[in-house]
Amino acid sequence: MAKALAVVIQEDPRKTHRPVEALRIALGLVAGSHTTTVVLLGEAERLLSEETDDIIDVDILEKYLPSIKQLEIPFLLQQSAGPLQDHNGFCIRREADDIINAFIQSVDCALVF
């Protein structure tokens, strides 16, 4: 039975490798029958930016982003002004914090990084 999953990334990709690893995990989850949504909070939104020079493990990130875009993995971002405006063609939806909280509570499983 397919489940609704959320991969929540809240850490700054300029300070730790965990956000890039979380995207890799999300890509693997999409390969199954589960519905997977990636939630980017705060500075994690930088993962979708064109300016990735200061991101830890940027070489791994650049390897997986084309597949994430091609598979149209949905991203949920905070409505507040983020660090970037252009998201390079990814499937982005911006929502208020309370909507994001309700979404995370509604999924069958949430992985938080």
N, C-alpha and C. Protein backbone atom coordinates (compact mmCIF):
# COMPACT_ATOMS: atom_id res chain seq x y z
N MET A 1 0.84 -1.17 0.00
CA MET A 1 0.00 0.00 0.00
C MET A 1 0.89 1.25 0.00
N ALA A 2 0.65 2.13 -0.93
CA ALA A 2 1.44 3.35 -1.06
C ALA A 2 1.15 4.29 0.12
N LYS A 3 2.19 4.94 0.56
CA LYS A 3 2.07 5.87 1.68
C LYS A 3 2.47 7.27 1.23
N ALA A 4 1.98 8.27 1.95
CA ALA A 4 2.37 9.65 1.71
C ALA A 4 3.56 9.94 2.63
N LEU A 5 4.67 10.36 2.02
CA LEU A 5 5.90 10.64 2.76
C LEU A 5 6.31 12.09 2.61
N ALA A 6 6.95 12.62 3.63
CA ALA A 6 7.53 13.96 3.56
C ALA A 6 8.98 13.87 4.00
N VAL A 7 9.85 14.47 3.21
CA VAL A 7 11.25 14.62 3.59
C VAL A 7 11.41 16.09 3.94
N VAL A 8 11.57 16.38 5.21
CA VAL A 8 11.66 17.76 5.70
C VAL A 8 13.12 18.12 5.90
N ILE A 9 13.56 19.15 5.20
CA ILE A 9 14.96 19.58 5.30
C ILE A 9 14.97 20.98 5.89
N GLN A 10 15.57 21.09 7.08
CA GLN A 10 15.58 22.36 7.78
C GLN A 10 16.99 22.87 8.07
N GLU A 11 18.00 22.08 7.75
CA GLU A 11 19.37 22.49 8.04
C GLU A 11 19.95 23.29 6.89
N ASP A 12 20.92 24.12 7.19
CA ASP A 12 21.58 24.98 6.21
C ASP A 12 22.59 24.15 5.41
N PRO A 13 22.42 24.04 4.08
CA PRO A 13 23.33 23.22 3.29
C PRO A 13 24.74 23.80 3.18
N ARG A 14 24.94 25.01 3.68
CA ARG A 14 26.27 25.61 3.69
C ARG A 14 27.05 25.19 4.94
N LYS A 15 26.37 24.55 5.89
CA LYS A 15 27.00 24.19 7.16
C LYS A 15 27.10 22.69 7.40
N THR A 16 26.32 21.89 6.67
CA THR A 16 26.32 20.45 6.89
C THR A 16 25.97 19.73 5.59
N HIS A 17 26.40 18.48 5.49
CA HIS A 17 26.12 17.67 4.31
C HIS A 17 24.72 17.05 4.35
N ARG A 18 24.05 17.12 5.48
CA ARG A 18 22.77 16.44 5.66
C ARG A 18 21.67 16.86 4.67
N PRO A 19 21.54 18.14 4.30
CA PRO A 19 20.49 18.49 3.33
C PRO A 19 20.67 17.82 1.96
N VAL A 20 21.90 17.73 1.48
CA VAL A 20 22.14 17.06 0.20
C VAL A 20 21.84 15.57 0.34
N GLU A 21 22.23 14.97 1.44
CA GLU A 21 21.94 13.56 1.68
C GLU A 21 20.43 13.33 1.76
N ALA A 22 19.71 14.26 2.35
CA ALA A 22 18.25 14.14 2.45
C ALA A 22 17.61 14.16 1.06
N LEU A 23 18.12 14.99 0.15
CA LEU A 23 17.60 15.00 -1.22
C LEU A 23 17.87 13.67 -1.92
N ARG A 24 19.03 13.10 -1.67
CA ARG A 24 19.35 11.80 -2.25
C ARG A 24 18.38 10.74 -1.74
N ILE A 25 18.07 10.78 -0.47
CA ILE A 25 17.12 9.84 0.12
C ILE A 25 15.73 10.04 -0.49
N ALA A 26 15.32 11.30 -0.66
CA ALA A 26 14.02 11.59 -1.27
C ALA A 26 13.94 11.01 -2.68
N LEU A 27 15.01 11.15 -3.42
CA LEU A 27 15.05 10.60 -4.78
C LEU A 27 14.87 9.08 -4.75
N GLY A 28 15.47 8.43 -3.80
CA GLY A 28 15.31 6.98 -3.65
C GLY A 28 13.89 6.60 -3.28
N LEU A 29 13.25 7.39 -2.44
CA LEU A 29 11.88 7.09 -2.02
C LEU A 29 10.89 7.23 -3.18
N VAL A 30 11.16 8.14 -4.08
CA VAL A 30 10.27 8.36 -5.22
C VAL A 30 10.29 7.14 -6.14
N ALA A 31 11.38 6.40 -6.14
CA ALA A 31 11.49 5.22 -7.00
C ALA A 31 10.48 4.14 -6.62
N GLY A 32 9.98 4.19 -5.40
CA GLY A 32 8.97 3.22 -4.97
C GLY A 32 7.58 3.71 -5.32
N SER A 33 6.59 3.12 -4.71
CA SER A 33 5.20 3.48 -5.00
C SER A 33 4.67 4.57 -4.08
N HIS A 34 5.52 5.12 -3.25
CA HIS A 34 5.09 6.13 -2.29
C HIS A 34 5.01 7.51 -2.92
N THR A 35 4.10 8.33 -2.40
CA THR A 35 4.00 9.73 -2.80
C THR A 35 4.93 10.52 -1.89
N THR A 36 5.96 11.13 -2.46
CA THR A 36 6.98 11.81 -1.66
C THR A 36 7.00 13.29 -1.98
N THR A 37 6.99 14.11 -0.94
CA THR A 37 7.10 15.56 -1.06
C THR A 37 8.30 16.01 -0.24
N VAL A 38 9.08 16.93 -0.79
CA VAL A 38 10.22 17.49 -0.07
C VAL A 38 9.82 18.86 0.46
N VAL A 39 9.98 19.05 1.76
CA VAL A 39 9.67 20.32 2.41
C VAL A 39 11.00 20.99 2.75
N LEU A 40 11.22 22.18 2.19
CA LEU A 40 12.44 22.94 2.46
C LEU A 40 12.11 24.11 3.36
N LEU A 41 12.76 24.17 4.51
CA LEU A 41 12.53 25.23 5.48
C LEU A 41 13.78 26.09 5.62
N GLY A 42 13.59 27.38 5.74
CA GLY A 42 14.71 28.30 5.97
C GLY A 42 15.75 28.25 4.87
N GLU A 43 17.00 28.15 5.29
CA GLU A 43 18.13 28.17 4.36
C GLU A 43 18.21 26.93 3.47
N ALA A 44 17.47 25.89 3.79
CA ALA A 44 17.48 24.68 2.96
C ALA A 44 17.00 24.97 1.55
N GLU A 45 16.27 26.07 1.37
CA GLU A 45 15.79 26.46 0.05
C GLU A 45 16.96 26.70 -0.92
N ARG A 46 18.13 26.95 -0.40
CA ARG A 46 19.32 27.17 -1.23
C ARG A 46 19.66 25.95 -2.09
N LEU A 47 19.17 24.79 -1.72
CA LEU A 47 19.43 23.59 -2.50
C LEU A 47 18.94 23.72 -3.94
N LEU A 48 17.96 24.57 -4.19
CA LEU A 48 17.39 24.73 -5.52
C LEU A 48 17.91 25.98 -6.24
N SER A 49 18.84 26.66 -5.63
CA SER A 49 19.38 27.90 -6.18
C SER A 49 20.39 27.61 -7.28
N GLU A 50 20.58 28.59 -8.15
CA GLU A 50 21.65 28.49 -9.15
C GLU A 50 23.01 28.70 -8.51
N GLU A 51 23.07 29.45 -7.42
CA GLU A 51 24.32 29.72 -6.71
C GLU A 51 24.53 28.66 -5.65
N THR A 52 25.30 27.64 -6.00
CA THR A 52 25.50 26.51 -5.11
C THR A 52 26.94 26.36 -4.67
N ASP A 53 27.79 27.33 -4.99
CA ASP A 53 29.22 27.20 -4.71
C ASP A 53 29.55 26.94 -3.25
N ASP A 54 28.76 27.51 -2.34
CA ASP A 54 29.07 27.38 -0.92
C ASP A 54 28.33 26.22 -0.24
N ILE A 55 27.65 25.39 -1.02
CA ILE A 55 26.93 24.25 -0.47
C ILE A 55 27.88 23.07 -0.30
N ILE A 56 27.83 22.45 0.86
CA ILE A 56 28.66 21.27 1.13
C ILE A 56 28.13 20.11 0.28
N ASP A 57 29.04 19.38 -0.32
CA ASP A 57 28.71 18.25 -1.21
C ASP A 57 27.98 18.71 -2.48
N VAL A 58 28.36 19.89 -2.99
CA VAL A 58 27.71 20.43 -4.18
C VAL A 58 27.86 19.49 -5.38
N ASP A 59 28.96 18.75 -5.45
CA ASP A 59 29.14 17.82 -6.57
C ASP A 59 28.09 16.72 -6.56
N ILE A 60 27.72 16.26 -5.38
CA ILE A 60 26.66 15.25 -5.25
C ILE A 60 25.30 15.87 -5.59
N LEU A 61 25.08 17.08 -5.10
CA LEU A 61 23.83 17.80 -5.37
C LEU A 61 23.62 17.96 -6.88
N GLU A 62 24.66 18.41 -7.57
CA GLU A 62 24.55 18.64 -9.02
C GLU A 62 24.29 17.33 -9.78
N LYS A 63 24.72 16.24 -9.22
CA LYS A 63 24.50 14.93 -9.84
C LYS A 63 23.02 14.52 -9.78
N TYR A 64 22.34 14.84 -8.68
CA TYR A 64 20.97 14.39 -8.47
C TYR A 64 19.90 15.39 -8.89
N LEU A 65 20.20 16.67 -8.97
CA LEU A 65 19.18 17.67 -9.31
C LEU A 65 18.48 17.41 -10.64
N PRO A 66 19.19 17.03 -11.71
CA PRO A 66 18.48 16.77 -12.96
C PRO A 66 17.43 15.65 -12.84
N SER A 67 17.73 14.61 -12.10
CA SER A 67 16.76 13.53 -11.91
C SER A 67 15.57 14.00 -11.08
N ILE A 68 15.83 14.80 -10.08
CA ILE A 68 14.75 15.33 -9.25
C ILE A 68 13.83 16.20 -10.08
N LYS A 69 14.41 17.02 -10.95
CA LYS A 69 13.61 17.87 -11.83
C LYS A 69 12.82 17.04 -12.83
N GLN A 70 13.46 16.04 -13.44
CA GLN A 70 12.81 15.21 -14.44
C GLN A 70 11.65 14.41 -13.85
N LEU A 71 11.81 13.92 -12.64
CA LEU A 71 10.75 13.16 -11.98
C LEU A 71 9.66 14.05 -11.39
N GLU A 72 9.86 15.35 -11.46
CA GLU A 72 8.90 16.34 -10.96
C GLU A 72 8.53 16.10 -9.51
N ILE A 73 9.56 15.87 -8.70
CA ILE A 73 9.35 15.71 -7.27
C ILE A 73 8.84 17.03 -6.71
N PRO A 74 7.71 17.02 -6.01
CA PRO A 74 7.15 18.28 -5.51
C PRO A 74 7.92 18.81 -4.29
N PHE A 75 8.11 20.12 -4.29
CA PHE A 75 8.74 20.81 -3.17
C PHE A 75 7.74 21.75 -2.54
N LEU A 76 7.73 21.78 -1.23
CA LEU A 76 6.89 22.68 -0.46
C LEU A 76 7.81 23.63 0.28
N LEU A 77 7.67 24.94 0.04
CA LEU A 77 8.54 25.95 0.64
C LEU A 77 7.71 26.94 1.44
N GLN A 78 8.37 27.59 2.37
CA GLN A 78 7.70 28.59 3.18
C GLN A 78 7.32 29.80 2.34
N GLN A 79 6.18 30.38 2.66
CA GLN A 79 5.68 31.52 1.92
C GLN A 79 6.52 32.77 2.16
N SER A 80 7.13 32.88 3.32
CA SER A 80 7.95 34.03 3.62
C SER A 80 9.08 34.15 2.60
N ALA A 81 9.58 35.34 2.43
CA ALA A 81 10.63 35.57 1.44
C ALA A 81 11.84 34.70 1.73
N GLY A 82 12.20 33.87 0.80
CA GLY A 82 13.35 32.98 0.95
C GLY A 82 14.59 33.63 0.37
N PRO A 83 15.71 32.93 0.44
CA PRO A 83 16.97 33.47 -0.04
C PRO A 83 17.08 33.53 -1.56
N LEU A 84 16.11 32.97 -2.29
CA LEU A 84 16.20 33.02 -3.74
C LEU A 84 14.83 33.16 -4.36
N GLN A 85 14.80 33.65 -5.57
CA GLN A 85 13.54 33.87 -6.26
C GLN A 85 13.31 32.86 -7.39
N ASP A 86 14.35 32.51 -8.13
CA ASP A 86 14.22 31.61 -9.27
C ASP A 86 14.53 30.19 -8.82
N HIS A 87 13.66 29.27 -9.15
CA HIS A 87 13.84 27.88 -8.71
C HIS A 87 14.13 26.93 -9.85
N ASN A 88 14.59 27.45 -10.96
CA ASN A 88 15.12 26.62 -12.05
C ASN A 88 14.17 25.56 -12.58
N GLY A 89 12.87 25.80 -12.58
CA GLY A 89 11.94 24.86 -13.18
C GLY A 89 11.50 23.70 -12.31
N PHE A 90 11.81 23.72 -11.02
CA PHE A 90 11.35 22.65 -10.12
C PHE A 90 9.87 22.85 -9.80
N CYS A 91 9.21 21.79 -9.36
CA CYS A 91 7.80 21.84 -8.97
C CYS A 91 7.70 22.42 -7.56
N ILE A 92 7.46 23.71 -7.47
CA ILE A 92 7.47 24.43 -6.19
C ILE A 92 6.07 24.89 -5.83
N ARG A 93 5.74 24.74 -4.56
CA ARG A 93 4.52 25.33 -4.01
C ARG A 93 4.90 26.02 -2.71
N ARG A 94 4.53 27.28 -2.59
CA ARG A 94 4.80 28.03 -1.35
C ARG A 94 3.52 28.06 -0.51
N GLU A 95 3.71 27.83 0.78
CA GLU A 95 2.58 27.84 1.71
C GLU A 95 2.98 28.52 3.00
N ALA A 96 1.97 28.95 3.75
CA ALA A 96 2.19 29.54 5.07
C ALA A 96 2.65 28.44 6.03
N ASP A 97 3.32 28.84 7.09
CA ASP A 97 3.87 27.88 8.05
C ASP A 97 2.81 26.95 8.63
N ASP A 98 1.61 27.46 8.91
CA ASP A 98 0.58 26.60 9.49
C ASP A 98 0.10 25.54 8.50
N ILE A 99 0.07 25.87 7.23
CA ILE A 99 -0.30 24.90 6.20
C ILE A 99 0.78 23.81 6.09
N ILE A 100 2.05 24.24 6.14
CA ILE A 100 3.15 23.27 6.10
C ILE A 100 3.10 22.35 7.31
N ASN A 101 2.86 22.91 8.48
CA ASN A 101 2.75 22.09 9.70
C ASN A 101 1.63 21.06 9.57
N ALA A 102 0.47 21.50 9.06
CA ALA A 102 -0.66 20.59 8.89
C ALA A 102 -0.33 19.50 7.87
N PHE A 103 0.38 19.87 6.80
CA PHE A 103 0.78 18.87 5.80
C PHE A 103 1.69 17.81 6.42
N ILE A 104 2.69 18.25 7.16
CA ILE A 104 3.64 17.30 7.77
C ILE A 104 2.91 16.36 8.74
N GLN A 105 1.96 16.89 9.47
CA GLN A 105 1.20 16.05 10.40
C GLN A 105 0.28 15.07 9.69
N SER A 106 -0.09 15.39 8.45
CA SER A 106 -1.06 14.55 7.73
C SER A 106 -0.42 13.37 6.99
N VAL A 107 0.90 13.41 6.76
CA VAL A 107 1.53 12.33 6.00
C VAL A 107 1.71 11.10 6.89
N ASP A 108 1.90 9.96 6.22
CA ASP A 108 2.10 8.72 6.96
C ASP A 108 3.44 8.66 7.65
N CYS A 109 4.45 9.27 7.05
CA CYS A 109 5.80 9.25 7.61
C CYS A 109 6.55 10.51 7.20
N ALA A 110 7.23 11.12 8.15
CA ALA A 110 8.05 12.30 7.85
C ALA A 110 9.47 12.03 8.31
N LEU A 111 10.40 12.25 7.41
CA LEU A 111 11.83 12.15 7.73
C LEU A 111 12.35 13.59 7.85
N VAL A 112 12.92 13.91 8.99
CA VAL A 112 13.33 15.28 9.26
C VAL A 112 14.85 15.36 9.33
N PHE A 113 15.41 16.27 8.56
CA PHE A 113 16.86 16.49 8.53
C PHE A 113 17.15 17.92 8.88
